[in-house]
Amino acid sequence: MRELSLHILDVLENSIEAGATRIELLIEEDLEKDFLRIVIRDNGRGMSEELARQVLDPFVTTRTTRHVGLGLPLFAAAAERCNGELRIQSKPGVGTTVLATFQHNHIDRAPLGDLAGTLMAAILSEREMDIHYKHTADGRAFELDTAEVRRVLGDVPLSHPKVRQWLESTLAEGLASVQSPDVT
């Protein structure tokens, strides 16, 4: 995949399919230490230790609509190409954590890509769940928690056109605030 946001979207979709009602997406960039860390944690149904070890095999999937599961193996390969790794921790009935690390400035590291679009796709999914997103980069931080937004909105759905517009602009501004300033 050309963008890490597509890998993130795949894991978010896995979390949603696993019945998660709460998903955390934490992204940490540190240019001085030259690392990028992506953590996706959910409270879905989780997996046994055996299945958690096997999901990096492209011929292991829990989906019945196809016989291969390439999402996590491709994400792991992307991390390994950039002197990083992908680890999975899971416990049945508790949830799953996917941790991917990358050498930030590695020549083969894909760009983060359209994180706002990825988050909007997950937020507006048909399943009722909340996402806590926190992105830090060299001392700058942006955070959005849809549970807090829902508390403020009351009965107004996140899919309401004005709320959707606010979410899109908030994500765009927040992501711009954590991006590295241009060197001129």
C-alpha atoms as a PDB file:
ATOM      1  CA  MET A   1       0.000   0.000   0.000  1.00  0.00           C
ATOM      2  CA  ARG A   2       1.256   3.431  -0.873  1.00  0.00           C
ATOM      3  CA  GLU A   3       0.119   5.143   2.322  1.00  0.00           C
ATOM      4  CA  LEU A   4       0.255   4.044   5.944  1.00  0.00           C
ATOM      5  CA  SER A   5      -3.255   5.451   6.397  1.00  0.00           C
ATOM      6  CA  LEU A   6      -4.554   2.557   4.272  1.00  0.00           C
ATOM      7  CA  HIS A   7      -2.927   0.042   6.629  1.00  0.00           C
ATOM      8  CA  ILE A   8      -4.451   1.934   9.552  1.00  0.00           C
ATOM      9  CA  LEU A   9      -7.884   1.850   7.880  1.00  0.00           C
ATOM     10  CA  ASP A  10      -7.579  -1.915   7.433  1.00  0.00           C
ATOM     11  CA  VAL A  11      -6.819  -2.414  11.143  1.00  0.00           C
ATOM     12  CA  LEU A  12      -9.639  -0.029  12.136  1.00  0.00           C
ATOM     13  CA  GLU A  13     -12.027  -2.059   9.962  1.00  0.00           C
ATOM     14  CA  ASN A  14     -10.801  -5.245  11.662  1.00  0.00           C
ATOM     15  CA  SER A  15     -11.524  -3.645  15.050  1.00  0.00           C
ATOM     16  CA  ILE A  16     -14.993  -2.605  13.971  1.00  0.00           C
ATOM     17  CA  GLU A  17     -15.701  -6.111  12.613  1.00  0.00           C
ATOM     18  CA  ALA A  18     -14.512  -7.531  15.960  1.00  0.00           C
ATOM     19  CA  GLY A  19     -17.288  -5.582  17.690  1.00  0.00           C
ATOM     20  CA  ALA A  20     -15.134  -2.865  19.250  1.00  0.00           C
ATOM     21  CA  THR A  21     -17.048  -0.007  20.848  1.00  0.00           C
ATOM     22  CA  ARG A  22     -13.871   1.937  21.613  1.00  0.00           C
ATOM     23  CA  ILE A  23     -10.754   2.233  19.432  1.00  0.00           C
ATOM     24  CA  GLU A  24      -7.609   4.185  20.224  1.00  0.00           C
ATOM     25  CA  LEU A  25      -5.313   5.340  17.426  1.00  0.00           C
ATOM     26  CA  LEU A  26      -2.061   6.766  18.720  1.00  0.00           C
ATOM     27  CA  ILE A  27       0.597   8.064  16.352  1.00  0.00           C
ATOM     28  CA  GLU A  28       3.930   9.289  17.653  1.00  0.00           C
ATOM     29  CA  GLU A  29       6.580  10.853  15.430  1.00  0.00           C
ATOM     30  CA  ASP A  30      10.022  11.818  16.687  1.00  0.00           C
ATOM     31  CA  LEU A  31      12.367  13.191  14.050  1.00  0.00           C
ATOM     32  CA  GLU A  32      15.309  13.540  16.436  1.00  0.00           C
ATOM     33  CA  LYS A  33      15.115   9.881  17.463  1.00  0.00           C
ATOM     34  CA  ASP A  34      14.073   8.950  13.896  1.00  0.00           C
ATOM     35  CA  PHE A  35      11.059   6.840  14.738  1.00  0.00           C
ATOM     36  CA  LEU A  36       7.375   6.579  13.969  1.00  0.00           C
ATOM     37  CA  ARG A  37       5.068   4.538  16.184  1.00  0.00           C
ATOM     38  CA  ILE A  38       1.470   3.627  15.346  1.00  0.00           C
ATOM     39  CA  VAL A  39      -0.674   1.983  18.022  1.00  0.00           C
ATOM     40  CA  ILE A  40      -4.223   0.792  17.395  1.00  0.00           C
ATOM     41  CA  ARG A  41      -5.974  -0.579  20.474  1.00  0.00           C
ATOM     42  CA  ASP A  42      -9.563  -1.818  20.651  1.00  0.00           C
ATOM     43  CA  ASN A  43     -11.976  -3.427  23.082  1.00  0.00           C
ATOM     44  CA  GLY A  44     -13.327  -5.894  20.515  1.00  0.00           C
ATOM     45  CA  ARG A  45     -13.722  -9.611  21.013  1.00  0.00           C
ATOM     46  CA  GLY A  46      -9.951 -10.248  20.887  1.00  0.00           C
ATOM     47  CA  MET A  47      -8.126 -13.359  19.734  1.00  0.00           C
ATOM     48  CA  SER A  48      -6.516 -16.367  21.308  1.00  0.00           C
ATOM     49  CA  GLU A  49      -2.715 -16.305  21.648  1.00  0.00           C
ATOM     50  CA  GLU A  50      -2.487 -18.879  18.868  1.00  0.00           C
ATOM     51  CA  LEU A  51      -4.593 -16.862  16.417  1.00  0.00           C
ATOM     52  CA  ALA A  52      -2.733 -13.642  17.315  1.00  0.00           C
ATOM     53  CA  ARG A  53       0.516 -15.391  16.316  1.00  0.00           C
ATOM     54  CA  GLN A  54      -0.999 -16.691  13.083  1.00  0.00           C
ATOM     55  CA  VAL A  55      -2.663 -13.515  11.733  1.00  0.00           C
ATOM     56  CA  LEU A  56       0.597 -12.365  10.136  1.00  0.00           C
ATOM     57  CA  ASP A  57       0.316 -15.353   7.792  1.00  0.00           C
ATOM     58  CA  PRO A  58      -1.533 -14.189   4.648  1.00  0.00           C
ATOM     59  CA  PHE A  59      -3.357 -17.519   4.434  1.00  0.00           C
ATOM     60  CA  VAL A  60      -4.956 -17.114   7.855  1.00  0.00           C
ATOM     61  CA  THR A  61      -8.127 -15.034   8.113  1.00  0.00           C
ATOM     62  CA  THR A  62     -11.249 -15.110  10.237  1.00  0.00           C
ATOM     63  CA  ARG A  63     -13.333 -13.626   7.423  1.00  0.00           C
ATOM     64  CA  THR A  64     -15.646 -15.982   5.579  1.00  0.00           C
ATOM     65  CA  THR A  65     -15.836 -13.826   2.439  1.00  0.00           C
ATOM     66  CA  ARG A  66     -12.295 -14.657   1.331  1.00  0.00           C
ATOM     67  CA  HIS A  67      -9.532 -17.170   1.992  1.00  0.00           C
ATOM     68  CA  VAL A  68      -6.593 -14.827   2.489  1.00  0.00           C
ATOM     69  CA  GLY A  69      -5.948 -11.943   4.861  1.00  0.00           C
ATOM     70  CA  LEU A  70      -3.269  -9.654   3.481  1.00  0.00           C
ATOM     71  CA  GLY A  71      -3.850  -6.542   5.620  1.00  0.00           C
ATOM     72  CA  LEU A  72      -1.709  -7.328   8.653  1.00  0.00           C
ATOM     73  CA  PRO A  73       1.031  -9.202   6.719  1.00  0.00           C
ATOM     74  CA  LEU A  74       1.425  -6.203   4.373  1.00  0.00           C
ATOM     75  CA  PHE A  75       1.482  -3.781   7.321  1.00  0.00           C
ATOM     76  CA  ALA A  76       4.171  -5.936   8.991  1.00  0.00           C
ATOM     77  CA  ALA A  77       6.205  -6.026   5.770  1.00  0.00           C
ATOM     78  CA  ALA A  78       5.979  -2.222   5.465  1.00  0.00           C
ATOM     79  CA  ALA A  79       7.325  -1.829   9.010  1.00  0.00           C
ATOM     80  CA  GLU A  80      10.098  -4.405   8.547  1.00  0.00           C
ATOM     81  CA  ARG A  81      11.259  -2.711   5.307  1.00  0.00           C
ATOM     82  CA  CYS A  82      11.863   0.408   7.407  1.00  0.00           C
ATOM     83  CA  ASN A  83      13.877  -1.174  10.245  1.00  0.00           C
ATOM     84  CA  GLY A  84      10.728  -1.577  12.337  1.00  0.00           C
ATOM     85  CA  GLU A  85       8.313  -4.270  13.358  1.00  0.00           C
ATOM     86  CA  LEU A  86       4.659  -5.047  13.893  1.00  0.00           C
ATOM     87  CA  ARG A  87       3.489  -6.683  17.095  1.00  0.00           C
ATOM     88  CA  ILE A  88       0.046  -7.901  18.058  1.00  0.00           C
ATOM     89  CA  GLN A  89      -1.249  -8.439  21.567  1.00  0.00           C
ATOM     90  CA  SER A  90      -4.726  -9.800  22.068  1.00  0.00           C
ATOM     91  CA  LYS A  91      -6.892 -11.430  24.675  1.00  0.00           C
ATOM     92  CA  PRO A  92     -10.320 -12.954  24.083  1.00  0.00           C
ATOM     93  CA  GLY A  93     -13.068 -10.797  25.545  1.00  0.00           C
ATOM     94  CA  VAL A  94     -10.666  -7.899  26.187  1.00  0.00           C
ATOM     95  CA  GLY A  95      -9.458  -6.674  22.798  1.00  0.00           C
ATOM     96  CA  THR A  96      -6.461  -6.324  20.540  1.00  0.00           C
ATOM     97  CA  THR A  97      -3.484  -3.988  20.263  1.00  0.00           C
ATOM     98  CA  VAL A  98      -1.500  -3.592  17.048  1.00  0.00           C
ATOM     99  CA  LEU A  99       1.835  -1.781  17.412  1.00  0.00           C
ATOM    100  CA  ALA A 100       3.851  -0.826  14.330  1.00  0.00           C
ATOM    101  CA  THR A 101       7.206   0.928  14.469  1.00  0.00           C
ATOM    102  CA  PHE A 102       9.195   2.455  11.625  1.00  0.00           C
ATOM    103  CA  GLN A 103      12.442   4.299  11.114  1.00  0.00           C
ATOM    104  CA  HIS A 104      10.834   7.672  10.373  1.00  0.00           C
ATOM    105  CA  ASN A 105      13.281   8.878   7.712  1.00  0.00           C
ATOM    106  CA  HIS A 106      13.818   5.529   6.021  1.00  0.00           C
ATOM    107  CA  ILE A 107      13.774   5.915   2.248  1.00  0.00           C
ATOM    108  CA  ASP A 108      11.197   3.115   1.888  1.00  0.00           C
ATOM    109  CA  ARG A 109       8.761   4.423   4.510  1.00  0.00           C
ATOM    110  CA  ALA A 110       5.412   5.223   2.951  1.00  0.00           C
ATOM    111  CA  PRO A 111       3.883   8.592   3.845  1.00  0.00           C
ATOM    112  CA  LEU A 112       1.155   8.685   6.467  1.00  0.00           C
ATOM    113  CA  GLY A 113      -1.292   9.688   3.734  1.00  0.00           C
ATOM    114  CA  ASP A 114      -4.901  10.724   4.177  1.00  0.00           C
ATOM    115  CA  LEU A 115      -5.369  10.204   7.904  1.00  0.00           C
ATOM    116  CA  ALA A 116      -8.368  12.550   7.961  1.00  0.00           C
ATOM    117  CA  GLY A 117     -10.139  10.452   5.323  1.00  0.00           C
ATOM    118  CA  THR A 118      -9.225   7.247   7.146  1.00  0.00           C
ATOM    119  CA  LEU A 119     -10.593   8.567  10.424  1.00  0.00           C
ATOM    120  CA  MET A 120     -13.768   9.885   8.798  1.00  0.00           C
ATOM    121  CA  ALA A 121     -14.396   6.498   7.170  1.00  0.00           C
ATOM    122  CA  ALA A 122     -14.132   4.776  10.554  1.00  0.00           C
ATOM    123  CA  ILE A 123     -16.066   7.442  12.478  1.00  0.00           C
ATOM    124  CA  LEU A 124     -18.935   7.358   9.995  1.00  0.00           C
ATOM    125  CA  SER A 125     -19.106   3.564   9.787  1.00  0.00           C
ATOM    126  CA  GLU A 126     -22.475   1.980  10.422  1.00  0.00           C
ATOM    127  CA  ARG A 127     -21.312   0.480  13.709  1.00  0.00           C
ATOM    128  CA  GLU A 128     -21.755   2.437  16.925  1.00  0.00           C
ATOM    129  CA  MET A 129     -18.265   2.964  18.344  1.00  0.00           C
ATOM    130  CA  ASP A 130     -15.949   5.740  19.439  1.00  0.00           C
ATOM    131  CA  ILE A 131     -12.428   6.599  18.353  1.00  0.00           C
ATOM    132  CA  HIS A 132      -9.812   8.307  20.463  1.00  0.00           C
ATOM    133  CA  TYR A 133      -7.143   9.711  18.160  1.00  0.00           C
ATOM    134  CA  LYS A 134      -3.934  11.257  19.451  1.00  0.00           C
ATOM    135  CA  HIS A 135      -1.074  12.333  17.215  1.00  0.00           C
ATOM    136  CA  THR A 136       2.178  13.759  18.556  1.00  0.00           C
ATOM    137  CA  ALA A 137       5.098  14.996  16.498  1.00  0.00           C
ATOM    138  CA  ASP A 138       8.181  16.642  17.991  1.00  0.00           C
ATOM    139  CA  GLY A 139       6.331  18.289  20.871  1.00  0.00           C
ATOM    140  CA  ARG A 140       3.214  19.213  18.884  1.00  0.00           C
ATOM    141  CA  ALA A 141       0.010  17.321  19.619  1.00  0.00           C
ATOM    142  CA  PHE A 142      -3.514  16.898  18.306  1.00  0.00           C
ATOM    143  CA  GLU A 143      -6.228  14.872  19.969  1.00  0.00           C
ATOM    144  CA  LEU A 144      -9.846  14.069  19.127  1.00  0.00           C
ATOM    145  CA  ASP A 145     -12.185  11.780  21.025  1.00  0.00           C
ATOM    146  CA  THR A 146     -15.564  11.069  19.456  1.00  0.00           C
ATOM    147  CA  ALA A 147     -16.974  10.052  22.865  1.00  0.00           C
ATOM    148  CA  GLU A 148     -16.451  13.646  24.037  1.00  0.00           C
ATOM    149  CA  VAL A 149     -17.979  14.980  20.824  1.00  0.00           C
ATOM    150  CA  ARG A 150     -21.038  12.726  21.314  1.00  0.00           C
ATOM    151  CA  ARG A 151     -21.448  13.959  24.921  1.00  0.00           C
ATOM    152  CA  VAL A 152     -21.536  17.557  23.709  1.00  0.00           C
ATOM    153  CA  LEU A 153     -23.874  16.802  20.793  1.00  0.00           C
ATOM    154  CA  GLY A 154     -26.396  14.768  22.751  1.00  0.00           C
ATOM    155  CA  ASP A 155     -28.808  13.207  20.258  1.00  0.00           C
ATOM    156  CA  VAL A 156     -27.237  14.796  17.160  1.00  0.00           C
ATOM    157  CA  PRO A 157     -25.459  12.029  15.183  1.00  0.00           C
ATOM    158  CA  LEU A 158     -21.858  12.340  13.998  1.00  0.00           C
ATOM    159  CA  SER A 159     -23.196  11.817  10.478  1.00  0.00           C
ATOM    160  CA  HIS A 160     -25.238  15.045  10.588  1.00  0.00           C
ATOM    161  CA  PRO A 161     -23.965  17.216   7.685  1.00  0.00           C
ATOM    162  CA  LYS A 162     -22.859  20.110   9.915  1.00  0.00           C
ATOM    163  CA  VAL A 163     -21.167  17.765  12.396  1.00  0.00           C
ATOM    164  CA  ARG A 164     -19.473  15.913   9.565  1.00  0.00           C
ATOM    165  CA  GLN A 165     -18.219  19.231   8.143  1.00  0.00           C
ATOM    166  CA  TRP A 166     -16.928  20.238  11.589  1.00  0.00           C
ATOM    167  CA  LEU A 167     -15.173  16.872  12.031  1.00  0.00           C
ATOM    168  CA  GLU A 168     -13.512  17.155   8.608  1.00  0.00           C
ATOM    169  CA  SER A 169     -12.241  20.703   9.260  1.00  0.00           C
ATOM    170  CA  THR A 170     -11.150  19.863  12.820  1.00  0.00           C
ATOM    171  CA  LEU A 171      -9.187  16.851  11.587  1.00  0.00           C
ATOM    172  CA  ALA A 172      -7.607  18.854   8.741  1.00  0.00           C
ATOM    173  CA  GLU A 173      -6.560  21.664  11.097  1.00  0.00           C
ATOM    174  CA  GLY A 174      -5.366  19.254  13.780  1.00  0.00           C
ATOM    175  CA  LEU A 175      -3.295  17.197  11.356  1.00  0.00           C
ATOM    176  CA  ALA A 176      -1.791  20.363   9.867  1.00  0.00           C
ATOM    177  CA  SER A 177      -0.805  21.454  13.387  1.00  0.00           C
ATOM    178  CA  VAL A 178       1.326  18.348  13.971  1.00  0.00           C
ATOM    179  CA  GLN A 179       2.998  18.256  10.580  1.00  0.00           C
ATOM    180  CA  SER A 180       6.590  19.362  10.426  1.00  0.00           C
ATOM    181  CA  PRO A 181       6.959  22.995   9.355  1.00  0.00           C
ATOM    182  CA  ASP A 182       8.294  23.493   5.847  1.00  0.00           C
ATOM    183  CA  VAL A 183      11.951  24.330   5.607  1.00  0.00           C
ATOM    184  CA  THR A 184      12.409  27.320   3.312  1.00  0.00           C
END
